[in-house]
N, C-alpha and C. Protein backbone atom coordinates (compact mmCIF):
# COMPACT_ATOMS: atom_id res chain seq x y z
N MET A 1 90.41 92.37 94.49
CA MET A 1 90.74 92.40 95.92
C MET A 1 89.54 92.93 96.69
N VAL A 2 89.15 92.23 97.70
CA VAL A 2 88.06 92.66 98.57
C VAL A 2 88.65 93.50 99.70
N ILE A 3 88.15 94.67 99.86
CA ILE A 3 88.65 95.59 100.89
C ILE A 3 87.70 95.50 102.10
N GLU A 4 88.29 95.25 103.26
CA GLU A 4 87.56 95.17 104.52
C GLU A 4 87.68 96.51 105.25
N MET A 5 86.61 96.91 105.89
CA MET A 5 86.64 98.16 106.62
C MET A 5 87.54 98.08 107.86
N THR A 6 87.94 96.88 108.26
CA THR A 6 88.86 96.74 109.39
C THR A 6 90.34 96.79 108.93
N SER A 7 90.56 96.85 107.62
CA SER A 7 91.92 96.89 107.08
C SER A 7 92.54 98.29 107.28
N THR A 8 93.84 98.30 107.27
CA THR A 8 94.60 99.53 107.47
C THR A 8 95.50 99.73 106.22
N TYR A 9 95.59 100.97 105.81
CA TYR A 9 96.39 101.31 104.63
C TYR A 9 97.29 102.47 104.97
N ALA A 10 98.39 102.56 104.21
CA ALA A 10 99.36 103.63 104.42
C ALA A 10 99.76 104.20 103.05
N ARG A 11 100.20 105.43 103.10
CA ARG A 11 100.71 106.07 101.89
C ARG A 11 102.00 105.36 101.44
N ASN A 12 102.15 105.19 100.13
CA ASN A 12 103.34 104.56 99.61
C ASN A 12 104.51 105.56 99.78
N GLU A 13 105.49 105.15 100.50
CA GLU A 13 106.68 106.00 100.80
C GLU A 13 107.47 106.31 99.52
N ASN A 14 107.28 105.58 98.46
CA ASN A 14 107.98 105.80 97.21
C ASN A 14 107.31 106.75 96.27
N CYS A 15 106.28 107.43 96.75
CA CYS A 15 105.54 108.38 95.93
C CYS A 15 105.76 109.81 96.40
N PRO A 16 106.47 110.62 95.63
CA PRO A 16 106.65 112.02 96.00
C PRO A 16 105.29 112.72 96.02
N VAL A 17 105.11 113.59 97.04
CA VAL A 17 103.83 114.30 97.21
C VAL A 17 104.11 115.80 97.34
N ARG A 18 103.29 116.58 96.67
CA ARG A 18 103.40 118.04 96.78
C ARG A 18 102.02 118.58 97.15
N GLU A 19 102.00 119.36 98.20
CA GLU A 19 100.72 120.00 98.58
C GLU A 19 100.57 121.30 97.82
N ILE A 20 99.39 121.47 97.22
CA ILE A 20 99.10 122.68 96.45
C ILE A 20 97.73 123.15 96.93
N GLY A 21 97.73 124.24 97.67
CA GLY A 21 96.48 124.72 98.21
C GLY A 21 95.88 123.68 99.15
N ASP A 22 94.59 123.34 98.92
CA ASP A 22 93.94 122.34 99.71
C ASP A 22 94.07 120.93 99.09
N GLY A 23 94.81 120.83 98.04
CA GLY A 23 94.96 119.56 97.32
C GLY A 23 96.34 119.02 97.34
N LEU A 24 96.53 117.89 96.66
CA LEU A 24 97.78 117.20 96.56
C LEU A 24 98.05 116.74 95.15
N VAL A 25 99.32 116.72 94.78
CA VAL A 25 99.73 116.07 93.56
C VAL A 25 100.69 114.98 93.98
N ILE A 26 100.39 113.77 93.57
CA ILE A 26 101.16 112.59 93.99
C ILE A 26 101.72 111.90 92.74
N MET A 27 103.00 111.66 92.73
CA MET A 27 103.63 110.94 91.62
C MET A 27 103.59 109.45 91.92
N ALA A 28 103.17 108.68 90.96
CA ALA A 28 103.18 107.21 91.09
C ALA A 28 104.59 106.71 91.26
N PRO A 29 104.76 105.53 91.88
CA PRO A 29 106.13 105.02 92.09
C PRO A 29 106.93 104.80 90.81
N THR A 30 106.21 104.61 89.70
CA THR A 30 106.93 104.40 88.43
C THR A 30 107.52 105.73 87.93
N GLY A 31 107.03 106.84 88.46
CA GLY A 31 107.57 108.15 88.09
C GLY A 31 107.03 108.73 86.82
N ASN A 32 106.05 108.10 86.19
CA ASN A 32 105.56 108.62 84.91
C ASN A 32 104.09 109.04 84.96
N VAL A 33 103.43 108.96 86.11
CA VAL A 33 102.02 109.34 86.22
C VAL A 33 101.85 110.13 87.53
N THR A 34 101.07 111.22 87.40
CA THR A 34 100.71 111.98 88.58
C THR A 34 99.25 111.90 88.83
N HIS A 35 98.88 112.02 90.09
CA HIS A 35 97.48 111.96 90.50
C HIS A 35 97.19 113.22 91.33
N SER A 36 96.11 113.88 91.03
CA SER A 36 95.67 115.05 91.79
C SER A 36 94.54 114.69 92.70
N LEU A 37 94.65 115.09 93.95
CA LEU A 37 93.61 114.88 94.92
C LEU A 37 93.16 116.22 95.44
N GLU A 38 91.90 116.45 95.40
CA GLU A 38 91.31 117.69 95.90
C GLU A 38 90.56 117.43 97.22
N ASP A 39 90.32 118.41 97.99
CA ASP A 39 89.49 118.44 99.18
C ASP A 39 89.35 117.09 99.91
N ILE A 40 88.28 116.38 99.70
CA ILE A 40 88.03 115.15 100.45
C ILE A 40 89.06 114.06 100.09
N GLY A 41 89.50 114.02 98.85
CA GLY A 41 90.52 113.05 98.46
C GLY A 41 91.82 113.31 99.24
N ALA A 42 92.22 114.53 99.38
CA ALA A 42 93.40 114.91 100.14
C ALA A 42 93.17 114.58 101.63
N PHE A 43 91.98 114.84 102.11
CA PHE A 43 91.63 114.55 103.49
C PHE A 43 91.80 113.05 103.75
N VAL A 44 91.25 112.22 102.90
CA VAL A 44 91.38 110.77 103.06
C VAL A 44 92.84 110.33 102.99
N TRP A 45 93.58 110.91 102.02
CA TRP A 45 94.99 110.58 101.89
C TRP A 45 95.74 110.78 103.18
N HIS A 46 95.50 111.91 103.87
CA HIS A 46 96.14 112.22 105.12
C HIS A 46 95.68 111.21 106.22
N GLN A 47 94.48 110.76 106.14
CA GLN A 47 93.98 109.80 107.15
C GLN A 47 94.64 108.43 107.01
N LEU A 48 95.06 108.07 105.80
CA LEU A 48 95.66 106.75 105.56
C LEU A 48 97.14 106.76 106.03
N ASP A 49 97.25 106.64 107.33
CA ASP A 49 98.55 106.82 107.97
C ASP A 49 99.20 105.49 108.44
N GLY A 50 98.55 104.37 108.09
CA GLY A 50 99.10 103.11 108.51
C GLY A 50 98.72 102.72 109.91
N GLN A 51 97.94 103.57 110.58
CA GLN A 51 97.48 103.35 111.97
C GLN A 51 95.99 103.12 112.05
N LYS A 52 95.25 103.90 111.27
CA LYS A 52 93.80 103.87 111.33
C LYS A 52 93.21 102.84 110.37
N SER A 53 92.18 102.14 110.88
CA SER A 53 91.42 101.23 109.99
C SER A 53 90.54 102.11 109.09
N LEU A 54 90.01 101.49 108.03
CA LEU A 54 89.09 102.23 107.17
C LEU A 54 87.83 102.65 107.94
N ASP A 55 87.43 101.86 108.97
CA ASP A 55 86.33 102.30 109.83
C ASP A 55 86.62 103.61 110.51
N SER A 56 87.86 103.75 110.99
CA SER A 56 88.24 105.03 111.65
C SER A 56 88.30 106.17 110.63
N VAL A 57 88.79 105.89 109.43
CA VAL A 57 88.78 106.90 108.37
C VAL A 57 87.37 107.33 108.05
N LEU A 58 86.48 106.34 107.96
CA LEU A 58 85.06 106.64 107.71
C LEU A 58 84.48 107.53 108.80
N ASP A 59 84.82 107.22 110.03
CA ASP A 59 84.33 108.06 111.16
C ASP A 59 84.81 109.50 110.96
N ALA A 60 86.08 109.67 110.58
CA ALA A 60 86.64 111.03 110.39
C ALA A 60 85.92 111.75 109.23
N ILE A 61 85.60 111.02 108.18
CA ILE A 61 84.92 111.64 107.03
C ILE A 61 83.52 112.13 107.46
N THR A 62 82.78 111.27 108.17
CA THR A 62 81.41 111.65 108.53
C THR A 62 81.40 112.75 109.59
N GLU A 63 82.46 112.90 110.34
CA GLU A 63 82.58 113.99 111.32
C GLU A 63 82.92 115.28 110.60
N ALA A 64 83.76 115.23 109.57
CA ALA A 64 84.24 116.43 108.91
C ALA A 64 83.36 116.92 107.79
N TYR A 65 82.55 116.01 107.20
CA TYR A 65 81.75 116.37 106.04
C TYR A 65 80.29 116.00 106.28
N SER A 66 79.42 116.70 105.66
CA SER A 66 78.00 116.43 105.75
C SER A 66 77.63 115.36 104.71
N VAL A 67 77.73 114.08 105.12
CA VAL A 67 77.50 112.99 104.21
C VAL A 67 76.93 111.80 104.98
N GLU A 68 76.02 111.06 104.36
CA GLU A 68 75.46 109.87 104.95
C GLU A 68 76.57 108.82 105.08
N ARG A 69 76.54 108.09 106.17
CA ARG A 69 77.60 107.09 106.43
C ARG A 69 77.67 106.02 105.33
N ASP A 70 76.52 105.50 104.88
CA ASP A 70 76.55 104.42 103.86
C ASP A 70 77.07 104.94 102.51
N VAL A 71 76.74 106.17 102.19
CA VAL A 71 77.24 106.80 100.96
C VAL A 71 78.75 107.00 101.08
N ALA A 72 79.19 107.54 102.19
CA ALA A 72 80.60 107.76 102.42
C ALA A 72 81.41 106.49 102.39
N GLU A 73 80.84 105.41 102.94
CA GLU A 73 81.51 104.11 102.93
C GLU A 73 81.69 103.56 101.53
N ALA A 74 80.65 103.64 100.76
CA ALA A 74 80.71 103.18 99.36
C ALA A 74 81.77 103.97 98.59
N ASP A 75 81.72 105.30 98.73
CA ASP A 75 82.72 106.15 98.03
C ASP A 75 84.15 105.87 98.52
N LEU A 76 84.31 105.64 99.80
CA LEU A 76 85.63 105.39 100.35
C LEU A 76 86.21 104.07 99.79
N LEU A 77 85.36 103.04 99.70
CA LEU A 77 85.83 101.78 99.13
C LEU A 77 86.27 101.90 97.66
N VAL A 78 85.52 102.64 96.90
CA VAL A 78 85.87 102.88 95.50
C VAL A 78 87.21 103.65 95.44
N PHE A 79 87.34 104.70 96.26
CA PHE A 79 88.52 105.53 96.25
C PHE A 79 89.74 104.71 96.66
N VAL A 80 89.62 103.92 97.72
CA VAL A 80 90.73 103.13 98.15
C VAL A 80 91.17 102.13 97.08
N ASN A 81 90.21 101.54 96.38
CA ASN A 81 90.53 100.66 95.25
C ASN A 81 91.31 101.41 94.19
N GLU A 82 90.92 102.62 93.90
CA GLU A 82 91.65 103.42 92.89
C GLU A 82 93.05 103.75 93.33
N LEU A 83 93.23 104.10 94.60
CA LEU A 83 94.57 104.39 95.14
C LEU A 83 95.45 103.17 95.15
N LEU A 84 94.85 102.01 95.46
CA LEU A 84 95.65 100.75 95.44
C LEU A 84 96.05 100.41 94.00
N ALA A 85 95.14 100.57 93.06
CA ALA A 85 95.44 100.27 91.64
C ALA A 85 96.55 101.18 91.10
N ALA A 86 96.59 102.40 91.63
CA ALA A 86 97.62 103.37 91.19
C ALA A 86 98.92 103.18 91.97
N GLU A 87 98.89 102.27 92.94
CA GLU A 87 100.07 101.95 93.77
C GLU A 87 100.52 103.12 94.62
N ILE A 88 99.60 104.03 94.98
CA ILE A 88 100.03 105.15 95.80
C ILE A 88 99.66 104.97 97.28
N ILE A 89 98.99 103.83 97.57
CA ILE A 89 98.85 103.41 98.95
C ILE A 89 99.15 101.90 98.99
N VAL A 90 99.43 101.40 100.17
CA VAL A 90 99.69 99.99 100.40
C VAL A 90 98.93 99.52 101.59
N GLN A 91 98.57 98.25 101.60
CA GLN A 91 97.90 97.67 102.75
C GLN A 91 98.91 97.37 103.80
N VAL A 92 98.59 97.68 105.06
CA VAL A 92 99.47 97.38 106.20
C VAL A 92 99.09 96.01 106.72
N PRO A 93 100.03 95.11 106.83
CA PRO A 93 99.73 93.74 107.31
C PRO A 93 99.29 93.76 108.78
């Protein structure tokens, strides 16, 4: 699947989430796998609200963290692919 920076994603409502410190533990919808997100991963997770495009999420990342935009974009695309594969986010039509 090709991910466009104009696409919008939302957290999967069927995934229980627990905040632990600055991180998150998210249970996959199948209920047999958990995923841990720390710092920037948790930050991105909160940004994926079904309203913001990935471009907007990228803007938020570069404002909050000291990172080059092209590096952040590449990392964001990889991360979103991983979240999609784990079914803990969904694309908003």
